[in-house]
Protein backbone atom coordinates (compact mmCIF):
# COMPACT_ATOMS: atom_id res chain seq x y z
CA UNK A 1 77.27 -60.52 16.73
CA UNK A 2 77.90 -60.39 13.00
CA UNK A 3 75.79 -58.84 10.22
CA UNK A 4 72.04 -58.59 10.16
CA UNK A 5 70.07 -61.82 10.58
CA UNK A 6 67.98 -62.55 7.47
CA UNK A 7 64.90 -64.01 9.25
CA UNK A 8 64.72 -60.91 11.45
CA UNK A 9 64.75 -58.73 8.38
CA UNK A 10 62.13 -60.89 6.62
CA UNK A 11 59.63 -60.96 9.48
CA UNK A 12 60.21 -57.23 9.99
CA UNK A 13 59.49 -56.62 6.30
CA UNK A 14 56.28 -58.66 6.54
CA UNK A 15 55.15 -56.63 9.54
CA UNK A 16 56.01 -53.38 7.76
CA UNK A 17 53.89 -54.63 4.86
CA UNK A 18 50.98 -55.13 7.23
CA UNK A 19 51.54 -51.61 8.56
CA UNK A 20 51.28 -50.16 5.06
CA UNK A 21 48.14 -52.23 4.44
CA UNK A 22 46.60 -51.02 7.74
CA UNK A 23 47.22 -47.42 6.72
CA UNK A 24 45.85 -47.92 3.20
CA UNK A 25 42.81 -49.98 4.25
CA UNK A 26 42.04 -49.29 7.90
CA UNK A 27 38.56 -50.71 7.44
CA UNK A 28 40.12 -54.18 7.40
CA UNK A 29 40.20 -54.24 11.21
CA UNK A 30 36.56 -53.46 11.97
CA UNK A 31 35.50 -55.57 8.97
CA UNK A 32 37.46 -58.61 10.21
CA UNK A 33 36.04 -58.23 13.70
CA UNK A 34 32.46 -57.54 12.61
CA UNK A 35 32.45 -54.06 14.17
CA UNK A 36 29.60 -51.83 13.04
CA UNK A 37 27.86 -48.69 14.19
CA UNK A 38 29.44 -46.04 16.34
CA UNK A 39 32.33 -48.28 17.48
CA UNK A 40 33.58 -48.58 13.90
CA UNK A 41 35.29 -45.17 13.92
CA UNK A 42 37.43 -46.07 16.92
CA UNK A 43 38.60 -49.27 15.21
CA UNK A 44 39.48 -47.32 12.06
CA UNK A 45 41.64 -45.05 14.19
CA UNK A 46 43.15 -48.04 15.95
CA UNK A 47 44.07 -49.65 12.62
CA UNK A 48 45.82 -46.45 11.53
CA UNK A 49 47.69 -46.34 14.83
CA UNK A 50 48.77 -49.96 14.37
CA UNK A 51 49.88 -49.10 10.85
CA UNK A 52 52.12 -46.24 11.91
CA UNK A 53 53.57 -48.22 14.81
CA UNK A 54 54.21 -51.32 12.73
CA UNK A 55 55.88 -49.43 9.88
CA UNK A 56 58.19 -47.50 12.20
CA UNK A 57 59.15 -50.41 14.45
CA UNK A 58 59.55 -52.82 11.55
CA UNK A 59 61.67 -50.51 9.42
CA UNK A 60 64.12 -50.53 12.30
CA UNK A 61 64.24 -54.31 11.99
CA UNK A 62 64.72 -54.18 8.23
CA UNK A 63 67.21 -51.32 7.96
CA UNK A 64 68.87 -51.16 11.37
CA UNK A 65 71.77 -53.00 12.92
CA UNK A 66 71.42 -56.52 14.21
CA UNK A 67 70.91 -55.18 17.73
CA UNK A 68 68.22 -52.81 16.45
CA UNK A 69 66.55 -55.76 14.71
CA UNK A 70 66.43 -57.66 17.98
CA UNK A 71 64.96 -54.66 19.76
CA UNK A 72 62.40 -54.37 16.97
CA UNK A 73 61.37 -58.00 17.47
CA UNK A 74 61.02 -57.46 21.20
CA UNK A 75 58.84 -54.41 20.61
CA UNK A 76 56.70 -56.38 18.18
CA UNK A 77 56.23 -59.21 20.70
CA UNK A 78 55.21 -56.75 23.42
CA UNK A 79 52.91 -54.88 21.02
CA UNK A 80 51.18 -58.02 19.81
CA UNK A 81 50.54 -59.30 23.32
CA UNK A 82 49.33 -55.89 24.47
CA UNK A 83 47.05 -55.63 21.43
CA UNK A 84 45.65 -59.05 22.26
CA UNK A 85 44.90 -58.20 25.88
CA UNK A 86 43.32 -54.84 25.07
CA UNK A 87 41.22 -56.06 22.15
CA UNK A 88 39.98 -59.13 24.01
CA UNK A 89 38.70 -56.83 26.76
CA UNK A 90 36.80 -54.71 24.22
CA UNK A 91 35.32 -57.50 22.09
CA UNK A 92 32.14 -59.30 23.09
CA UNK A 93 31.83 -61.66 20.12
CA UNK A 94 33.57 -65.00 20.76
CA UNK A 95 34.42 -65.44 17.06
CA UNK A 96 36.08 -62.00 16.97
CA UNK A 97 37.93 -62.84 20.18
CA UNK A 98 39.26 -66.07 18.64
CA UNK A 99 40.39 -64.26 15.47
CA UNK A 100 42.10 -61.60 17.54
CA UNK A 101 43.87 -64.09 19.80
CA UNK A 102 44.98 -66.22 16.85
CA UNK A 103 46.39 -63.29 14.90
CA UNK A 104 48.10 -61.46 17.74
CA UNK A 105 49.47 -64.49 19.58
CA UNK A 106 50.48 -66.07 16.26
CA UNK A 107 52.56 -63.02 15.31
CA UNK A 108 54.01 -62.80 18.82
CA UNK A 109 55.08 -66.46 18.60
CA UNK A 110 56.60 -65.97 15.15
CA UNK A 111 58.57 -62.95 16.34
CA UNK A 112 59.66 -64.88 19.45
CA UNK A 113 60.89 -67.81 17.37
CA UNK A 114 62.86 -65.48 15.10
CA UNK A 115 64.31 -63.60 18.08
CA UNK A 116 65.43 -66.85 19.74
CA UNK A 117 66.99 -68.05 16.48
CA UNK A 118 68.73 -64.69 16.03
CA UNK A 119 70.16 -64.84 19.56
CA UNK A 120 71.39 -68.42 19.01
CA UNK A 121 73.12 -67.41 15.76
CA UNK A 122 75.85 -65.39 17.48
């Protein structure tokens, strides 16, 4: 296992960027999902939680060793799939469910592809 794998660092940087965005504009999550009323506050909190998690996990992928980058990708995959399952249970609107599934599964697949490529690059 040689130096850090560039695609791992790039996808980690992109996820860290989302984390910063989620912290700066937490309203993006309830806005994208059409959440209004009393539920909105819980989605604002959830967006902030995602932001903190994504920044911390992704910085490990950007700045850490190659092994740490791989662990970071694995954590991102697990987080995205968990987010998908939990949000789909909470959401009633089919359009919001489709958006959620597309975004979370899409990021999980991207992270999986990068992890597989990283592992093959030994």
